Amino acid sequence: MTGKRVLFAFAAVLFSLANLSACFGEASFNVVGDLSYIFNLEPGGRAMGEITVENEGDEDGDVKIYFVDYLHYADGRNLFEKAGSSARSNAPWFSVSPGQASIPARGSLRVHYSLSVPANPALRGTYWSILMVEPIPRSFLTPADQKDDVNVRVVTVARFGIQMISNIGRAGEVKIRFLDKSLVKEGKKSMLRLDVVNEGEKLVTPHVWAEFFNSKGKSSGPIDGSRQRIYPGCSGRYMMDLSGLAPGGYQIVVVADNGDDNVFGANYAMDLK
């Protein structure tokens, strides 16, 4: 009987910081520079560039490069779907070379990409996808031992996700809606949890904050909920620390400021206990 190897791959995606590294054996990979690129183009426009992947380890290593679609939601879901399956995917507009390569120890690889926007005047707003750089564990490339047993291994694969964002034209609706609000506990802290959905056609990066007014109309001052990137059709969750507020009834003004002419607000009433 020929020996069989069963490999279970668990993938983690790293795309929030630049210059991250992933180690496999003695190969250590690193994507140099930004992990997001924005292209402001018109229908029919073109762009090209390159991304450098370094192997900082002492052994050769292999990587594969490919596109996926990406959707994210306030409940914590991050979906990495087949390239081109999302209505606003720009993955079909890209070509990339190489699709797979070996990087020598202490060496680097230049990944070339080109973007060709269709000459469709109906295109407007933001289209995006993720360019994945995924190390290939050597255990995937070596044959199983010729033994009468089954070799089961678990391999963790850390992929680098590079956000490739194209804004087409200047038109496109910007629309934010406050989806849900609730009071939650994190340890001993009371937190305002606020979910925001992007119902427009453009990428938004709203800074969300709230101001609480007690029964006498006195303001708490702004309570920061941070800023985050939200793609069209996706949603984000903001958490605001209310531990500095006394129990009681409050009128709340919530503001989502996109950093341009687009500012959205809502009013709520809430009791803190």
C-alpha atoms as a PDB file:
ATOM      1  CA  MET A   1       0.000   0.000   0.000  1.00  0.00           C
ATOM      2  CA  THR A   2       1.304   3.471  -0.839  1.00  0.00           C
ATOM      3  CA  GLY A   3       1.642   5.866   2.052  1.00  0.00           C
ATOM      4  CA  LYS A   4      -0.855   8.722   2.096  1.00  0.00           C
ATOM      5  CA  ARG A   5      -0.433  12.217   3.444  1.00  0.00           C
ATOM      6  CA  VAL A   6      -3.483  14.175   4.560  1.00  0.00           C
ATOM      7  CA  LEU A   7      -2.795  17.891   5.023  1.00  0.00           C
ATOM      8  CA  PHE A   8      -5.220  20.257   6.685  1.00  0.00           C
ATOM      9  CA  ALA A   9      -4.443  23.907   5.921  1.00  0.00           C
ATOM     10  CA  PHE A  10      -5.729  26.655   8.183  1.00  0.00           C
ATOM     11  CA  ALA A  11      -5.374  30.080   6.591  1.00  0.00           C
ATOM     12  CA  ALA A  12      -4.948  33.395   8.324  1.00  0.00           C
ATOM     13  CA  VAL A  13      -4.924  36.648   6.357  1.00  0.00           C
ATOM     14  CA  LEU A  14      -2.619  39.533   7.269  1.00  0.00           C
ATOM     15  CA  PHE A  15      -3.532  42.812   5.630  1.00  0.00           C
ATOM     16  CA  SER A  16      -3.785  45.502   8.238  1.00  0.00           C
ATOM     17  CA  LEU A  17      -0.105  46.429   8.555  1.00  0.00           C
ATOM     18  CA  ALA A  18       2.832  46.735   6.215  1.00  0.00           C
ATOM     19  CA  ASN A  19       6.032  44.731   6.457  1.00  0.00           C
ATOM     20  CA  LEU A  20       4.501  41.679   8.093  1.00  0.00           C
ATOM     21  CA  SER A  21       6.275  38.350   7.892  1.00  0.00           C
ATOM     22  CA  ALA A  22       5.284  34.694   7.806  1.00  0.00           C
ATOM     23  CA  CYS A  23       7.690  31.873   8.575  1.00  0.00           C
ATOM     24  CA  PHE A  24       7.577  28.363   7.120  1.00  0.00           C
ATOM     25  CA  GLY A  25      10.505  26.183   8.105  1.00  0.00           C
ATOM     26  CA  GLU A  26      13.517  28.387   7.518  1.00  0.00           C
ATOM     27  CA  ALA A  27      11.844  30.539   4.842  1.00  0.00           C
ATOM     28  CA  SER A  28      10.501  33.827   6.175  1.00  0.00           C
ATOM     29  CA  PHE A  29       8.346  35.922   3.837  1.00  0.00           C
ATOM     30  CA  ASN A  30       7.637  39.614   3.983  1.00  0.00           C
ATOM     31  CA  VAL A  31       5.577  41.915   1.745  1.00  0.00           C
ATOM     32  CA  VAL A  32       7.419  45.219   1.430  1.00  0.00           C
ATOM     33  CA  GLY A  33       5.511  48.488   1.610  1.00  0.00           C
ATOM     34  CA  ASP A  34       1.802  49.205   1.749  1.00  0.00           C
ATOM     35  CA  LEU A  35      -0.869  46.530   1.973  1.00  0.00           C
ATOM     36  CA  SER A  36      -3.456  48.675   0.183  1.00  0.00           C
ATOM     37  CA  TYR A  37      -3.360  50.559  -3.124  1.00  0.00           C
ATOM     38  CA  ILE A  38      -5.899  53.071  -4.436  1.00  0.00           C
ATOM     39  CA  PHE A  39      -6.305  53.790  -8.160  1.00  0.00           C
ATOM     40  CA  ASN A  40      -8.394  56.809  -9.196  1.00  0.00           C
ATOM     41  CA  LEU A  41      -9.340  56.167 -12.817  1.00  0.00           C
ATOM     42  CA  GLU A  42     -11.963  56.806 -15.462  1.00  0.00           C
ATOM     43  CA  PRO A  43     -13.742  54.066 -17.464  1.00  0.00           C
ATOM     44  CA  GLY A  44     -11.181  52.670 -19.906  1.00  0.00           C
ATOM     45  CA  GLY A  45      -8.285  53.788 -17.696  1.00  0.00           C
ATOM     46  CA  ARG A  46      -5.152  51.751 -17.028  1.00  0.00           C
ATOM     47  CA  ALA A  47      -2.579  51.425 -14.277  1.00  0.00           C
ATOM     48  CA  MET A  48       0.333  49.137 -13.517  1.00  0.00           C
ATOM     49  CA  GLY A  49       2.840  48.561 -10.784  1.00  0.00           C
ATOM     50  CA  GLU A  50       4.764  46.002  -8.802  1.00  0.00           C
ATOM     51  CA  ILE A  51       4.862  44.512  -5.316  1.00  0.00           C
ATOM     52  CA  THR A  52       8.006  43.133  -3.728  1.00  0.00           C
ATOM     53  CA  VAL A  53       7.979  39.932  -1.677  1.00  0.00           C
ATOM     54  CA  GLU A  54      11.123  39.156   0.318  1.00  0.00           C
ATOM     55  CA  ASN A  55      12.369  35.875   1.715  1.00  0.00           C
ATOM     56  CA  GLU A  56      14.330  36.847   4.811  1.00  0.00           C
ATOM     57  CA  GLY A  57      14.957  33.227   5.803  1.00  0.00           C
ATOM     58  CA  ASP A  58      17.888  30.887   5.279  1.00  0.00           C
ATOM     59  CA  GLU A  59      16.113  28.478   2.911  1.00  0.00           C
ATOM     60  CA  ASP A  60      14.370  28.842  -0.438  1.00  0.00           C
ATOM     61  CA  GLY A  61      10.597  29.147  -0.303  1.00  0.00           C
ATOM     62  CA  ASP A  62       7.614  29.120  -2.651  1.00  0.00           C
ATOM     63  CA  VAL A  63       4.650  31.490  -2.907  1.00  0.00           C
ATOM     64  CA  LYS A  64       1.547  31.713  -5.045  1.00  0.00           C
ATOM     65  CA  ILE A  65      -0.171  34.969  -6.026  1.00  0.00           C
ATOM     66  CA  TYR A  66      -3.866  35.259  -6.839  1.00  0.00           C
ATOM     67  CA  PHE A  67      -6.960  37.441  -6.399  1.00  0.00           C
ATOM     68  CA  VAL A  68     -10.015  36.939  -4.191  1.00  0.00           C
ATOM     69  CA  ASP A  69     -13.067  39.048  -3.457  1.00  0.00           C
ATOM     70  CA  TYR A  70     -13.460  40.415   0.052  1.00  0.00           C
ATOM     71  CA  LEU A  71     -16.549  41.348   2.086  1.00  0.00           C
ATOM     72  CA  HIS A  72     -16.683  42.313   5.763  1.00  0.00           C
ATOM     73  CA  TYR A  73     -19.511  42.761   8.233  1.00  0.00           C
ATOM     74  CA  ALA A  74     -20.123  44.271  11.645  1.00  0.00           C
ATOM     75  CA  ASP A  75     -20.771  40.869  13.212  1.00  0.00           C
ATOM     76  CA  GLY A  76     -17.124  39.941  12.615  1.00  0.00           C
ATOM     77  CA  ARG A  77     -17.453  38.006   9.370  1.00  0.00           C
ATOM     78  CA  ASN A  78     -14.646  38.449   6.841  1.00  0.00           C
ATOM     79  CA  LEU A  79     -15.473  36.625   3.629  1.00  0.00           C
ATOM     80  CA  PHE A  80     -12.843  35.787   1.034  1.00  0.00           C
ATOM     81  CA  GLU A  81     -14.771  34.709  -2.039  1.00  0.00           C
ATOM     82  CA  LYS A  82     -13.997  33.571  -5.562  1.00  0.00           C
ATOM     83  CA  ALA A  83     -12.486  36.385  -7.632  1.00  0.00           C
ATOM     84  CA  GLY A  84     -15.149  38.167  -9.675  1.00  0.00           C
ATOM     85  CA  SER A  85     -18.116  36.830  -7.690  1.00  0.00           C
ATOM     86  CA  SER A  86     -18.913  40.146  -5.994  1.00  0.00           C
ATOM     87  CA  ALA A  87     -20.924  42.797  -7.855  1.00  0.00           C
ATOM     88  CA  ARG A  88     -18.190  45.380  -7.205  1.00  0.00           C
ATOM     89  CA  SER A  89     -15.182  43.145  -7.760  1.00  0.00           C
ATOM     90  CA  ASN A  90     -12.340  44.586  -9.813  1.00  0.00           C
ATOM     91  CA  ALA A  91     -10.427  41.281  -9.816  1.00  0.00           C
ATOM     92  CA  PRO A  92     -11.309  40.520 -13.476  1.00  0.00           C
ATOM     93  CA  TRP A  93      -9.702  43.828 -14.467  1.00  0.00           C
ATOM     94  CA  PHE A  94      -6.277  42.763 -13.174  1.00  0.00           C
ATOM     95  CA  SER A  95      -3.543  40.588 -14.558  1.00  0.00           C
ATOM     96  CA  VAL A  96      -0.619  39.506 -12.377  1.00  0.00           C
ATOM     97  CA  SER A  97       2.721  37.836 -13.052  1.00  0.00           C
ATOM     98  CA  PRO A  98       4.038  35.483 -11.859  1.00  0.00           C
ATOM     99  CA  GLY A  99       1.217  33.413 -10.404  1.00  0.00           C
ATOM    100  CA  GLN A 100       3.638  31.180  -8.516  1.00  0.00           C
ATOM    101  CA  ALA A 101       7.369  31.391  -7.882  1.00  0.00           C
ATOM    102  CA  SER A 102      10.252  30.206  -5.752  1.00  0.00           C
ATOM    103  CA  ILE A 103      12.126  32.888  -3.803  1.00  0.00           C
ATOM    104  CA  PRO A 104      15.724  32.081  -2.887  1.00  0.00           C
ATOM    105  CA  ALA A 105      16.968  32.492   0.659  1.00  0.00           C
ATOM    106  CA  ARG A 106      17.670  36.175   1.391  1.00  0.00           C
ATOM    107  CA  GLY A 107      16.247  36.995  -2.021  1.00  0.00           C
ATOM    108  CA  SER A 108      13.183  38.823  -3.319  1.00  0.00           C
ATOM    109  CA  LEU A 109      10.478  38.564  -5.973  1.00  0.00           C
ATOM    110  CA  ARG A 110       8.881  41.382  -7.941  1.00  0.00           C
ATOM    111  CA  VAL A 111       5.221  40.742  -8.642  1.00  0.00           C
ATOM    112  CA  HIS A 112       3.965  42.783 -11.593  1.00  0.00           C
ATOM    113  CA  TYR A 113       0.318  43.745 -11.964  1.00  0.00           C
ATOM    114  CA  SER A 114      -1.688  45.686 -14.505  1.00  0.00           C
ATOM    115  CA  LEU A 115      -5.189  47.112 -14.172  1.00  0.00           C
ATOM    116  CA  SER A 116      -7.452  47.745 -17.179  1.00  0.00           C
ATOM    117  CA  VAL A 117     -10.835  49.286 -16.365  1.00  0.00           C
ATOM    118  CA  PRO A 118     -13.569  48.399 -18.889  1.00  0.00           C
ATOM    119  CA  ALA A 119     -14.637  51.305 -21.088  1.00  0.00           C
ATOM    120  CA  ASN A 120     -18.147  51.221 -19.641  1.00  0.00           C
ATOM    121  CA  PRO A 121     -19.586  54.669 -18.861  1.00  0.00           C
ATOM    122  CA  ALA A 122     -21.992  53.089 -16.348  1.00  0.00           C
ATOM    123  CA  LEU A 123     -19.106  52.279 -13.980  1.00  0.00           C
ATOM    124  CA  ARG A 124     -19.063  54.573 -10.947  1.00  0.00           C
ATOM    125  CA  GLY A 125     -17.887  54.422  -7.381  1.00  0.00           C
ATOM    126  CA  THR A 126     -15.513  51.963  -5.706  1.00  0.00           C
ATOM    127  CA  TYR A 127     -14.549  48.496  -6.934  1.00  0.00           C
ATOM    128  CA  TRP A 128     -12.079  46.334  -5.035  1.00  0.00           C
ATOM    129  CA  SER A 129     -10.484  42.949  -4.467  1.00  0.00           C
ATOM    130  CA  ILE A 130      -7.627  41.379  -2.504  1.00  0.00           C
ATOM    131  CA  LEU A 131      -4.324  40.297  -4.046  1.00  0.00           C
ATOM    132  CA  MET A 132      -3.191  37.312  -1.993  1.00  0.00           C
ATOM    133  CA  VAL A 133       0.436  36.346  -1.512  1.00  0.00           C
ATOM    134  CA  GLU A 134       0.367  32.866   0.006  1.00  0.00           C
ATOM    135  CA  PRO A 135       3.423  30.885   1.089  1.00  0.00           C
ATOM    136  CA  ILE A 136       3.338  27.246  -0.002  1.00  0.00           C
ATOM    137  CA  PRO A 137       4.568  24.945   2.781  1.00  0.00           C
ATOM    138  CA  ARG A 138       7.205  22.564   1.479  1.00  0.00           C
ATOM    139  CA  SER A 139       5.135  19.683   2.873  1.00  0.00           C
ATOM    140  CA  PHE A 140       2.618  20.455   0.106  1.00  0.00           C
ATOM    141  CA  LEU A 141       5.322  19.998  -2.528  1.00  0.00           C
ATOM    142  CA  THR A 142       7.136  16.873  -1.299  1.00  0.00           C
ATOM    143  CA  PRO A 143       5.752  13.354  -1.903  1.00  0.00           C
ATOM    144  CA  ALA A 144       4.577  11.138   0.917  1.00  0.00           C
ATOM    145  CA  ASP A 145       6.829   8.369   2.247  1.00  0.00           C
ATOM    146  CA  GLN A 146       6.182   4.961   0.744  1.00  0.00           C
ATOM    147  CA  LYS A 147       4.824   3.353   3.903  1.00  0.00           C
ATOM    148  CA  ASP A 148       1.736   1.411   4.793  1.00  0.00           C
ATOM    149  CA  ASP A 149       0.243   4.174   6.879  1.00  0.00           C
ATOM    150  CA  VAL A 150      -1.509   7.488   6.658  1.00  0.00           C
ATOM    151  CA  ASN A 151       0.390  10.603   7.714  1.00  0.00           C
ATOM    152  CA  VAL A 152      -1.936  13.339   8.979  1.00  0.00           C
ATOM    153  CA  ARG A 153      -0.519  16.824   9.491  1.00  0.00           C
ATOM    154  CA  VAL A 154      -1.982  20.225  10.298  1.00  0.00           C
ATOM    155  CA  VAL A 155      -0.407  23.218   8.541  1.00  0.00           C
ATOM    156  CA  THR A 156      -1.127  26.874   9.311  1.00  0.00           C
ATOM    157  CA  VAL A 157      -0.851  29.153   6.280  1.00  0.00           C
ATOM    158  CA  ALA A 158      -0.552  32.909   6.876  1.00  0.00           C
ATOM    159  CA  ARG A 159      -1.483  34.782   3.722  1.00  0.00           C
ATOM    160  CA  PHE A 160      -0.757  38.419   2.973  1.00  0.00           C
ATOM    161  CA  GLY A 161      -3.808  40.272   1.656  1.00  0.00           C
ATOM    162  CA  ILE A 162      -3.160  43.433  -0.357  1.00  0.00           C
ATOM    163  CA  GLN A 163      -6.262  45.564  -0.889  1.00  0.00           C
ATOM    164  CA  MET A 164      -6.511  46.737  -4.510  1.00  0.00           C
ATOM    165  CA  ILE A 165      -9.044  49.577  -4.646  1.00  0.00           C
ATOM    166  CA  SER A 166     -10.213  51.389  -7.763  1.00  0.00           C
ATOM    167  CA  ASN A 167     -12.367  54.519  -7.641  1.00  0.00           C
ATOM    168  CA  ILE A 168     -14.010  55.038 -11.029  1.00  0.00           C
ATOM    169  CA  GLY A 169     -14.918  58.586 -11.990  1.00  0.00           C
ATOM    170  CA  ARG A 170     -16.064  61.251  -9.585  1.00  0.00           C
ATOM    171  CA  ALA A 171     -19.713  60.217  -9.456  1.00  0.00           C
ATOM    172  CA  GLY A 172     -21.109  57.716  -6.991  1.00  0.00           C
ATOM    173  CA  GLU A 173     -23.428  57.989  -4.020  1.00  0.00           C
ATOM    174  CA  VAL A 174     -22.048  58.201  -0.484  1.00  0.00           C
ATOM    175  CA  LYS A 175     -24.616  56.833   1.964  1.00  0.00           C
ATOM    176  CA  ILE A 176     -24.105  55.625   5.530  1.00  0.00           C
ATOM    177  CA  ARG A 177     -26.825  54.173   7.736  1.00  0.00           C
ATOM    178  CA  PHE A 178     -26.681  53.439  11.459  1.00  0.00           C
ATOM    179  CA  LEU A 179     -27.724  49.823  11.521  1.00  0.00           C
ATOM    180  CA  ASP A 180     -27.938  48.836  15.169  1.00  0.00           C
ATOM    181  CA  LYS A 181     -27.061  50.098  18.639  1.00  0.00           C
ATOM    182  CA  SER A 182     -26.837  48.362  21.999  1.00  0.00           C
ATOM    183  CA  LEU A 183     -25.276  48.633  25.436  1.00  0.00           C
ATOM    184  CA  VAL A 184     -22.844  45.818  26.211  1.00  0.00           C
ATOM    185  CA  LYS A 185     -20.401  44.931  28.971  1.00  0.00           C
ATOM    186  CA  GLU A 186     -16.703  44.334  28.411  1.00  0.00           C
ATOM    187  CA  GLY A 187     -15.440  43.258  31.806  1.00  0.00           C
ATOM    188  CA  LYS A 188     -16.598  46.005  34.137  1.00  0.00           C
ATOM    189  CA  LYS A 189     -16.882  48.597  31.385  1.00  0.00           C
ATOM    190  CA  SER A 190     -20.148  49.704  29.825  1.00  0.00           C
ATOM    191  CA  MET A 191     -19.769  50.082  26.068  1.00  0.00           C
ATOM    192  CA  LEU A 192     -21.968  51.526  23.345  1.00  0.00           C
ATOM    193  CA  ARG A 193     -21.853  49.150  20.373  1.00  0.00           C
ATOM    194  CA  LEU A 194     -22.835  50.815  17.120  1.00  0.00           C
ATOM    195  CA  ASP A 195     -23.024  49.106  13.741  1.00  0.00           C
ATOM    196  CA  VAL A 196     -22.726  51.186  10.564  1.00  0.00           C
ATOM    197  CA  VAL A 197     -23.516  49.972   7.031  1.00  0.00           C
ATOM    198  CA  ASN A 198     -22.293  51.499   3.776  1.00  0.00           C
ATOM    199  CA  GLU A 199     -25.321  51.627   1.479  1.00  0.00           C
ATOM    200  CA  GLY A 200     -23.629  53.816  -1.118  1.00  0.00           C
ATOM    201  CA  GLU A 201     -21.393  53.258  -4.119  1.00  0.00           C
ATOM    202  CA  LYS A 202     -18.105  54.542  -2.712  1.00  0.00           C
ATOM    203  CA  LEU A 203     -15.650  53.384  -0.095  1.00  0.00           C
ATOM    204  CA  VAL A 204     -16.111  55.323   3.143  1.00  0.00           C
ATOM    205  CA  THR A 205     -13.803  55.751   6.129  1.00  0.00           C
ATOM    206  CA  PRO A 206     -16.084  57.348   8.726  1.00  0.00           C
ATOM    207  CA  HIS A 207     -14.850  58.612  12.051  1.00  0.00           C
ATOM    208  CA  VAL A 208     -17.697  57.830  14.436  1.00  0.00           C
ATOM    209  CA  TRP A 209     -18.185  59.562  17.770  1.00  0.00           C
ATOM    210  CA  ALA A 210     -21.037  60.210  20.198  1.00  0.00           C
ATOM    211  CA  GLU A 211     -22.024  62.959  22.599  1.00  0.00           C
ATOM    212  CA  PHE A 212     -24.244  62.216  25.611  1.00  0.00           C
ATOM    213  CA  PHE A 213     -26.529  64.815  27.214  1.00  0.00           C
ATOM    214  CA  ASN A 214     -27.964  64.165  30.680  1.00  0.00           C
ATOM    215  CA  SER A 215     -31.400  65.217  31.958  1.00  0.00           C
ATOM    216  CA  LYS A 216     -30.080  68.733  32.613  1.00  0.00           C
ATOM    217  CA  GLY A 217     -28.725  69.065  29.082  1.00  0.00           C
ATOM    218  CA  LYS A 218     -25.100  68.859  30.183  1.00  0.00           C
ATOM    219  CA  SER A 219     -22.780  67.336  27.607  1.00  0.00           C
ATOM    220  CA  SER A 220     -20.321  64.554  28.340  1.00  0.00           C
ATOM    221  CA  GLY A 221     -18.056  65.817  25.583  1.00  0.00           C
ATOM    222  CA  PRO A 222     -17.358  63.670  22.506  1.00  0.00           C
ATOM    223  CA  ILE A 223     -16.715  59.964  23.076  1.00  0.00           C
ATOM    224  CA  ASP A 224     -14.542  58.558  20.332  1.00  0.00           C
ATOM    225  CA  GLY A 225     -15.433  55.436  18.368  1.00  0.00           C
ATOM    226  CA  SER A 226     -12.408  55.525  16.029  1.00  0.00           C
ATOM    227  CA  ARG A 227     -12.249  55.444  12.233  1.00  0.00           C
ATOM    228  CA  GLN A 228     -12.416  52.444   9.917  1.00  0.00           C
ATOM    229  CA  ARG A 229     -12.716  51.555   6.251  1.00  0.00           C
ATOM    230  CA  ILE A 230     -16.120  50.271   5.075  1.00  0.00           C
ATOM    231  CA  TYR A 231     -16.655  49.060   1.515  1.00  0.00           C
ATOM    232  CA  PRO A 232     -19.999  49.418  -0.330  1.00  0.00           C
ATOM    233  CA  GLY A 233     -22.484  46.809   0.853  1.00  0.00           C
ATOM    234  CA  CYS A 234     -20.365  46.065   3.923  1.00  0.00           C
ATOM    235  CA  SER A 235     -20.612  47.156   7.549  1.00  0.00           C
ATOM    236  CA  GLY A 236     -18.413  47.966  10.516  1.00  0.00           C
ATOM    237  CA  ARG A 237     -18.730  47.926  14.280  1.00  0.00           C
ATOM    238  CA  TYR A 238     -17.722  50.786  16.553  1.00  0.00           C
ATOM    239  CA  MET A 239     -17.243  50.484  20.310  1.00  0.00           C
ATOM    240  CA  MET A 240     -17.404  53.492  22.644  1.00  0.00           C
ATOM    241  CA  ASP A 241     -16.314  53.366  26.282  1.00  0.00           C
ATOM    242  CA  LEU A 242     -19.014  54.797  28.578  1.00  0.00           C
ATOM    243  CA  SER A 243     -17.272  54.012  31.872  1.00  0.00           C
ATOM    244  CA  GLY A 244     -16.866  57.732  32.589  1.00  0.00           C
ATOM    245  CA  LEU A 245     -20.630  58.381  32.532  1.00  0.00           C
ATOM    246  CA  ALA A 246     -22.862  58.311  35.617  1.00  0.00           C
ATOM    247  CA  PRO A 247     -25.988  56.127  35.587  1.00  0.00           C
ATOM    248  CA  GLY A 248     -29.111  57.838  34.303  1.00  0.00           C
ATOM    249  CA  GLY A 249     -31.045  58.792  31.216  1.00  0.00           C
ATOM    250  CA  TYR A 250     -29.281  60.373  28.248  1.00  0.00           C
ATOM    251  CA  GLN A 251     -30.025  61.877  24.889  1.00  0.00           C
ATOM    252  CA  ILE A 252     -27.327  60.818  22.437  1.00  0.00           C
ATOM    253  CA  VAL A 253     -26.088  62.464  19.274  1.00  0.00           C
ATOM    254  CA  VAL A 254     -24.067  60.081  17.087  1.00  0.00           C
ATOM    255  CA  VAL A 255     -21.981  61.433  14.193  1.00  0.00           C
ATOM    256  CA  ALA A 256     -20.219  59.606  11.340  1.00  0.00           C
ATOM    257  CA  ASP A 257     -17.806  62.010   9.648  1.00  0.00           C
ATOM    258  CA  ASN A 258     -16.277  60.745   6.401  1.00  0.00           C
ATOM    259  CA  GLY A 259     -13.645  63.475   6.426  1.00  0.00           C
ATOM    260  CA  ASP A 260     -15.194  65.298   3.459  1.00  0.00           C
ATOM    261  CA  ASP A 261     -18.566  66.910   2.801  1.00  0.00           C
ATOM    262  CA  ASN A 262     -20.360  63.733   3.862  1.00  0.00           C
ATOM    263  CA  VAL A 263     -21.369  63.799   7.524  1.00  0.00           C
ATOM    264  CA  PHE A 264     -24.192  61.641   8.905  1.00  0.00           C
ATOM    265  CA  GLY A 265     -25.940  61.796  12.269  1.00  0.00           C
ATOM    266  CA  ALA A 266     -28.564  60.124  14.425  1.00  0.00           C
ATOM    267  CA  ASN A 267     -30.318  60.819  17.743  1.00  0.00           C
ATOM    268  CA  TYR A 268     -31.061  58.205  20.384  1.00  0.00           C
ATOM    269  CA  ALA A 269     -32.338  58.001  23.963  1.00  0.00           C
ATOM    270  CA  MET A 270     -30.667  55.575  26.335  1.00  0.00           C
ATOM    271  CA  ASP A 271     -30.637  54.658  30.024  1.00  0.00           C
ATOM    272  CA  LEU A 272     -27.367  53.718  31.717  1.00  0.00           C
ATOM    273  CA  LYS A 273     -27.654  51.562  34.818  1.00  0.00           C
END
